[in-house]
N, C-alpha and C. Protein backbone atom coordinates (compact mmCIF):
# COMPACT_ATOMS: atom_id res chain seq x y z
N UNK A 1 -30.53 -22.23 -37.39
CA UNK A 1 -31.74 -21.68 -36.76
C UNK A 1 -31.42 -20.35 -36.07
N UNK A 2 -32.25 -19.38 -36.30
CA UNK A 2 -32.01 -18.07 -35.70
C UNK A 2 -32.39 -18.08 -34.22
N UNK A 3 -31.68 -17.29 -33.47
CA UNK A 3 -31.99 -17.19 -32.04
C UNK A 3 -33.21 -16.30 -31.84
N UNK A 4 -33.82 -16.42 -30.67
CA UNK A 4 -35.03 -15.61 -30.41
C UNK A 4 -34.72 -14.13 -30.45
N UNK A 5 -33.50 -13.76 -30.08
CA UNK A 5 -33.13 -12.34 -30.08
C UNK A 5 -33.21 -11.77 -31.50
N UNK A 6 -32.66 -12.51 -32.48
CA UNK A 6 -32.66 -12.02 -33.85
C UNK A 6 -34.07 -12.01 -34.43
N UNK A 7 -34.85 -13.04 -34.10
CA UNK A 7 -36.23 -13.10 -34.59
C UNK A 7 -37.04 -11.92 -34.05
N UNK A 8 -36.86 -11.63 -32.76
CA UNK A 8 -37.58 -10.51 -32.16
C UNK A 8 -37.15 -9.20 -32.79
N UNK A 9 -35.84 -9.06 -33.03
CA UNK A 9 -35.33 -7.82 -33.61
C UNK A 9 -35.86 -7.64 -35.03
N UNK A 10 -35.86 -8.72 -35.81
CA UNK A 10 -36.36 -8.63 -37.18
C UNK A 10 -37.85 -8.30 -37.20
N UNK A 11 -38.60 -8.92 -36.30
CA UNK A 11 -40.04 -8.65 -36.26
C UNK A 11 -40.31 -7.21 -35.87
N UNK A 12 -39.53 -6.69 -34.95
CA UNK A 12 -39.72 -5.29 -34.52
C UNK A 12 -39.39 -4.33 -35.66
N UNK A 13 -38.32 -4.62 -36.39
CA UNK A 13 -37.95 -3.74 -37.51
C UNK A 13 -39.02 -3.81 -38.60
N UNK A 14 -39.54 -5.00 -38.87
CA UNK A 14 -40.58 -5.15 -39.89
C UNK A 14 -41.83 -4.38 -39.47
N UNK A 15 -42.19 -4.49 -38.20
CA UNK A 15 -43.36 -3.78 -37.69
C UNK A 15 -43.16 -2.27 -37.79
N UNK A 16 -41.96 -1.81 -37.47
CA UNK A 16 -41.67 -0.38 -37.55
C UNK A 16 -41.78 0.10 -39.00
N UNK A 17 -41.28 -0.70 -39.94
CA UNK A 17 -41.36 -0.32 -41.35
C UNK A 17 -42.82 -0.25 -41.79
N UNK A 18 -43.63 -1.20 -41.35
CA UNK A 18 -45.05 -1.18 -41.72
C UNK A 18 -45.74 0.06 -41.17
N UNK A 19 -45.44 0.42 -39.93
CA UNK A 19 -46.06 1.58 -39.31
C UNK A 19 -45.65 2.86 -40.03
N UNK A 20 -44.37 2.97 -40.36
CA UNK A 20 -43.88 4.18 -41.03
C UNK A 20 -44.49 4.30 -42.42
N UNK A 21 -44.60 3.19 -43.15
CA UNK A 21 -45.18 3.25 -44.49
C UNK A 21 -46.67 3.59 -44.40
N UNK A 22 -47.35 3.09 -43.37
CA UNK A 22 -48.77 3.40 -43.20
C UNK A 22 -48.96 4.88 -42.87
N UNK A 23 -48.03 5.46 -42.12
CA UNK A 23 -48.14 6.88 -41.79
C UNK A 23 -47.95 7.74 -43.03
N UNK A 24 -47.04 7.31 -43.91
CA UNK A 24 -46.81 8.09 -45.15
C UNK A 24 -48.05 8.08 -46.01
N UNK A 25 -48.67 6.90 -46.17
CA UNK A 25 -49.86 6.78 -47.01
C UNK A 25 -51.07 6.42 -46.14
N UNK A 26 -51.83 7.43 -45.69
CA UNK A 26 -53.00 7.15 -44.85
C UNK A 26 -54.03 6.32 -45.60
N UNK A 27 -54.14 6.54 -46.91
CA UNK A 27 -55.08 5.75 -47.71
C UNK A 27 -54.30 4.94 -48.75
N UNK A 28 -53.98 3.69 -48.46
CA UNK A 28 -53.22 2.86 -49.41
C UNK A 28 -54.09 2.44 -50.59
N UNK A 29 -54.40 3.40 -51.46
CA UNK A 29 -55.22 3.08 -52.62
C UNK A 29 -54.32 2.79 -53.81
N UNK A 30 -54.57 1.67 -54.47
CA UNK A 30 -53.74 1.29 -55.61
C UNK A 30 -54.05 2.22 -56.78
N UNK A 31 -53.03 2.65 -57.51
CA UNK A 31 -53.25 3.54 -58.66
C UNK A 31 -54.06 2.83 -59.73
N UNK A 32 -54.94 3.55 -60.43
CA UNK A 32 -55.76 2.92 -61.47
C UNK A 32 -54.90 2.39 -62.60
N UNK A 33 -55.25 1.26 -63.18
CA UNK A 33 -54.46 0.69 -64.28
C UNK A 33 -54.51 1.60 -65.50
N UNK A 34 -53.43 1.68 -66.27
CA UNK A 34 -53.41 2.54 -67.47
C UNK A 34 -54.42 2.06 -68.49
N UNK A 35 -55.23 3.00 -68.99
CA UNK A 35 -56.25 2.63 -69.98
C UNK A 35 -55.89 3.21 -71.35
N UNK A 36 -54.61 3.12 -71.71
CA UNK A 36 -54.19 3.67 -73.00
C UNK A 36 -54.83 2.90 -74.15
N UNK A 37 -54.86 1.57 -74.03
CA UNK A 37 -55.41 0.76 -75.12
C UNK A 37 -56.92 0.91 -75.19
N UNK A 38 -57.57 1.04 -74.04
CA UNK A 38 -59.03 1.13 -74.02
C UNK A 38 -59.52 2.50 -74.49
N UNK A 39 -58.78 3.56 -74.17
CA UNK A 39 -59.22 4.90 -74.52
C UNK A 39 -59.07 5.18 -76.02
N UNK A 40 -58.11 4.52 -76.66
CA UNK A 40 -57.90 4.77 -78.09
C UNK A 40 -59.08 4.20 -78.90
N UNK A 41 -59.62 4.98 -79.83
CA UNK A 41 -60.72 4.47 -80.66
C UNK A 41 -60.24 3.38 -81.61
N UNK A 42 -61.05 2.36 -81.77
CA UNK A 42 -60.65 1.26 -82.66
C UNK A 42 -60.83 1.70 -84.11
N UNK A 43 -59.78 1.55 -84.89
CA UNK A 43 -59.86 1.95 -86.30
C UNK A 43 -60.32 0.76 -87.15
């Protein structure tokens, strides 16, 4: 079992990572799926 010190430290690091990633991407929009198969005309 982890001690409270390690749990607190891990939670703080995880929170810091989330904040930094949110700052990098202000709008976390998922990229559109590739439509290579749909765009090609059916022969």
